[in-house]
Amino acid sequence: MTTREAQSIALQRLNRYCAGKCGALALGHTQRIKKRWLVDVEAPRQRFTVIVENDGNAKITTWNKDK
């Protein structure tokens, strides 16, 4: 899996998760750790980290931004 494929899977997963309620999503840092990709994404009110496995499975972690 390439960086671009991991980012694409992460954004698709976040679009389903947010259902249009998170606002504009902006890609942040993407890094590979062993067999996983960590994709950081920012929205106006939250930060997300999406862990993308090589088989295409993804898990989302959400943080509220400090005001």
N, C-alpha and C. Protein backbone atom coordinates (compact mmCIF):
# COMPACT_ATOMS: atom_id res chain seq x y z
N MET A 1 0.85 -1.18 0.00
CA MET A 1 0.00 0.00 0.00
C MET A 1 0.90 1.24 0.00
N THR A 2 0.51 2.21 -0.79
CA THR A 2 1.26 3.46 -0.87
C THR A 2 0.68 4.50 0.08
N THR A 3 1.40 5.60 0.23
CA THR A 3 0.92 6.71 1.07
C THR A 3 -0.40 7.24 0.56
N ARG A 4 -0.49 7.42 -0.74
CA ARG A 4 -1.71 7.96 -1.33
C ARG A 4 -2.92 7.04 -1.10
N GLU A 5 -2.71 5.74 -1.21
CA GLU A 5 -3.80 4.78 -0.96
C GLU A 5 -4.25 4.84 0.50
N ALA A 6 -3.29 4.92 1.42
CA ALA A 6 -3.63 5.01 2.84
C ALA A 6 -4.41 6.29 3.13
N GLN A 7 -4.00 7.41 2.55
CA GLN A 7 -4.71 8.67 2.75
C GLN A 7 -6.12 8.60 2.17
N SER A 8 -6.27 7.98 1.03
CA SER A 8 -7.57 7.85 0.40
C SER A 8 -8.52 7.01 1.27
N ILE A 9 -8.03 5.90 1.79
CA ILE A 9 -8.85 5.05 2.67
C ILE A 9 -9.23 5.82 3.93
N ALA A 10 -8.27 6.55 4.50
CA ALA A 10 -8.53 7.32 5.72
C ALA A 10 -9.62 8.38 5.49
N LEU A 11 -9.53 9.11 4.37
CA LEU A 11 -10.53 10.14 4.08
C LEU A 11 -11.90 9.54 3.81
N GLN A 12 -11.95 8.42 3.11
CA GLN A 12 -13.24 7.75 2.87
C GLN A 12 -13.87 7.32 4.19
N ARG A 13 -13.07 6.75 5.07
CA ARG A 13 -13.56 6.29 6.37
C ARG A 13 -14.05 7.47 7.20
N LEU A 14 -13.31 8.58 7.19
CA LEU A 14 -13.73 9.77 7.95
C LEU A 14 -14.99 10.39 7.38
N ASN A 15 -15.14 10.39 6.07
CA ASN A 15 -16.37 10.94 5.47
C ASN A 15 -17.58 10.14 5.91
N ARG A 16 -17.45 8.83 6.01
CA ARG A 16 -18.56 8.00 6.52
C ARG A 16 -18.79 8.28 7.99
N TYR A 17 -17.72 8.39 8.77
CA TYR A 17 -17.81 8.63 10.21
C TYR A 17 -18.47 9.98 10.51
N CYS A 18 -18.05 11.01 9.78
CA CYS A 18 -18.55 12.36 10.04
C CYS A 18 -19.93 12.62 9.46
N ALA A 19 -20.24 11.99 8.35
CA ALA A 19 -21.53 12.19 7.67
C ALA A 19 -21.80 13.68 7.43
N GLY A 20 -20.76 14.44 7.06
CA GLY A 20 -20.91 15.85 6.73
C GLY A 20 -20.98 16.79 7.91
N LYS A 21 -20.78 16.30 9.14
CA LYS A 21 -20.91 17.14 10.33
C LYS A 21 -19.59 17.64 10.89
N CYS A 22 -18.46 17.19 10.36
CA CYS A 22 -17.15 17.57 10.91
C CYS A 22 -16.57 18.82 10.27
N GLY A 23 -17.10 19.24 9.15
CA GLY A 23 -16.55 20.39 8.44
C GLY A 23 -15.49 19.95 7.45
N ALA A 24 -14.70 20.91 7.00
CA ALA A 24 -13.66 20.63 6.01
C ALA A 24 -12.54 19.81 6.65
N LEU A 25 -12.13 18.76 5.96
CA LEU A 25 -11.06 17.90 6.45
C LEU A 25 -9.77 18.24 5.72
N ALA A 26 -8.68 18.38 6.47
CA ALA A 26 -7.38 18.69 5.89
C ALA A 26 -6.37 17.61 6.31
N LEU A 27 -5.72 17.02 5.33
CA LEU A 27 -4.71 16.01 5.63
C LEU A 27 -3.54 16.64 6.35
N GLY A 28 -3.05 15.91 7.33
CA GLY A 28 -1.85 16.34 8.04
C GLY A 28 -0.71 15.40 7.72
N HIS A 29 -0.02 14.97 8.73
CA HIS A 29 1.14 14.10 8.57
C HIS A 29 0.71 12.65 8.34
N THR A 30 1.42 11.94 7.47
CA THR A 30 1.17 10.52 7.23
C THR A 30 2.50 9.80 7.42
N GLN A 31 2.46 8.74 8.22
CA GLN A 31 3.68 7.98 8.43
C GLN A 31 3.39 6.49 8.49
N ARG A 32 4.39 5.72 8.13
CA ARG A 32 4.26 4.26 8.17
C ARG A 32 5.01 3.75 9.38
N ILE A 33 4.33 2.93 10.17
CA ILE A 33 4.95 2.28 11.31
C ILE A 33 4.69 0.78 11.17
N LYS A 34 5.75 0.04 10.91
CA LYS A 34 5.70 -1.38 10.63
C LYS A 34 4.73 -1.66 9.50
N LYS A 35 3.62 -2.33 9.75
CA LYS A 35 2.68 -2.68 8.67
C LYS A 35 1.44 -1.80 8.68
N ARG A 36 1.50 -0.66 9.36
CA ARG A 36 0.34 0.24 9.47
C ARG A 36 0.71 1.63 9.00
N TRP A 37 -0.31 2.36 8.59
CA TRP A 37 -0.16 3.77 8.24
C TRP A 37 -0.92 4.59 9.27
N LEU A 38 -0.33 5.66 9.75
CA LEU A 38 -1.00 6.62 10.62
C LEU A 38 -1.24 7.88 9.81
N VAL A 39 -2.50 8.23 9.65
CA VAL A 39 -2.86 9.40 8.86
C VAL A 39 -3.53 10.42 9.79
N ASP A 40 -2.92 11.59 9.93
CA ASP A 40 -3.48 12.66 10.76
C ASP A 40 -4.31 13.57 9.88
N VAL A 41 -5.52 13.89 10.38
CA VAL A 41 -6.45 14.75 9.65
C VAL A 41 -7.01 15.77 10.63
N GLU A 42 -7.14 17.01 10.18
CA GLU A 42 -7.71 18.05 11.02
C GLU A 42 -9.02 18.55 10.46
N ALA A 43 -9.95 18.81 11.35
CA ALA A 43 -11.23 19.44 11.04
C ALA A 43 -11.30 20.71 11.90
N PRO A 44 -12.25 21.58 11.68
CA PRO A 44 -12.32 22.82 12.46
C PRO A 44 -12.37 22.62 13.97
N ARG A 45 -13.05 21.59 14.46
CA ARG A 45 -13.21 21.40 15.90
C ARG A 45 -12.47 20.19 16.46
N GLN A 46 -12.02 19.30 15.60
CA GLN A 46 -11.42 18.05 16.07
C GLN A 46 -10.18 17.69 15.27
N ARG A 47 -9.38 16.82 15.88
CA ARG A 47 -8.24 16.19 15.19
C ARG A 47 -8.51 14.70 15.16
N PHE A 48 -8.14 14.08 14.08
CA PHE A 48 -8.34 12.64 13.92
C PHE A 48 -7.02 11.98 13.57
N THR A 49 -6.83 10.77 14.07
CA THR A 49 -5.76 9.90 13.60
C THR A 49 -6.44 8.63 13.12
N VAL A 50 -6.16 8.28 11.88
CA VAL A 50 -6.74 7.07 11.31
C VAL A 50 -5.61 6.07 11.13
N ILE A 51 -5.76 4.90 11.72
CA ILE A 51 -4.79 3.82 11.55
C ILE A 51 -5.31 2.95 10.42
N VAL A 52 -4.52 2.84 9.35
CA VAL A 52 -4.91 2.06 8.19
C VAL A 52 -3.99 0.85 8.09
N GLU A 53 -4.60 -0.33 8.12
CA GLU A 53 -3.84 -1.58 7.99
C GLU A 53 -3.61 -1.87 6.51
N ASN A 54 -2.64 -2.73 6.21
CA ASN A 54 -2.35 -3.09 4.82
C ASN A 54 -3.52 -3.77 4.12
N ASP A 55 -4.41 -4.41 4.88
CA ASP A 55 -5.57 -5.07 4.27
C ASP A 55 -6.73 -4.11 4.03
N GLY A 56 -6.57 -2.82 4.37
CA GLY A 56 -7.60 -1.82 4.11
C GLY A 56 -8.49 -1.50 5.30
N ASN A 57 -8.37 -2.24 6.39
CA ASN A 57 -9.15 -1.92 7.58
C ASN A 57 -8.63 -0.63 8.19
N ALA A 58 -9.53 0.13 8.82
CA ALA A 58 -9.14 1.41 9.39
C ALA A 58 -9.83 1.62 10.75
N LYS A 59 -9.12 2.31 11.64
CA LYS A 59 -9.65 2.65 12.96
C LYS A 59 -9.42 4.13 13.19
N ILE A 60 -10.44 4.82 13.69
CA ILE A 60 -10.37 6.28 13.88
C ILE A 60 -10.24 6.60 15.36
N THR A 61 -9.33 7.52 15.67
CA THR A 61 -9.20 8.08 17.01
C THR A 61 -9.46 9.58 16.89
N THR A 62 -10.26 10.13 17.83
CA THR A 62 -10.68 11.53 17.76
C THR A 62 -10.23 12.30 19.00
N TRP A 63 -9.75 13.54 18.77
CA TRP A 63 -9.42 14.45 19.87
C TRP A 63 -10.10 15.78 19.61
N ASN A 64 -10.62 16.40 20.66
CA ASN A 64 -11.13 17.77 20.55
C ASN A 64 -9.96 18.72 20.56
N LYS A 65 -10.06 19.78 19.77
CA LYS A 65 -9.01 20.80 19.76
C LYS A 65 -9.17 21.68 21.00
N ASP A 66 -8.06 22.06 21.59
CA ASP A 66 -8.10 22.98 22.73
C ASP A 66 -8.44 24.37 22.21
N LYS A 67 -9.26 25.07 22.94
CA LYS A 67 -9.67 26.41 22.53
C LYS A 67 -8.79 27.45 23.13
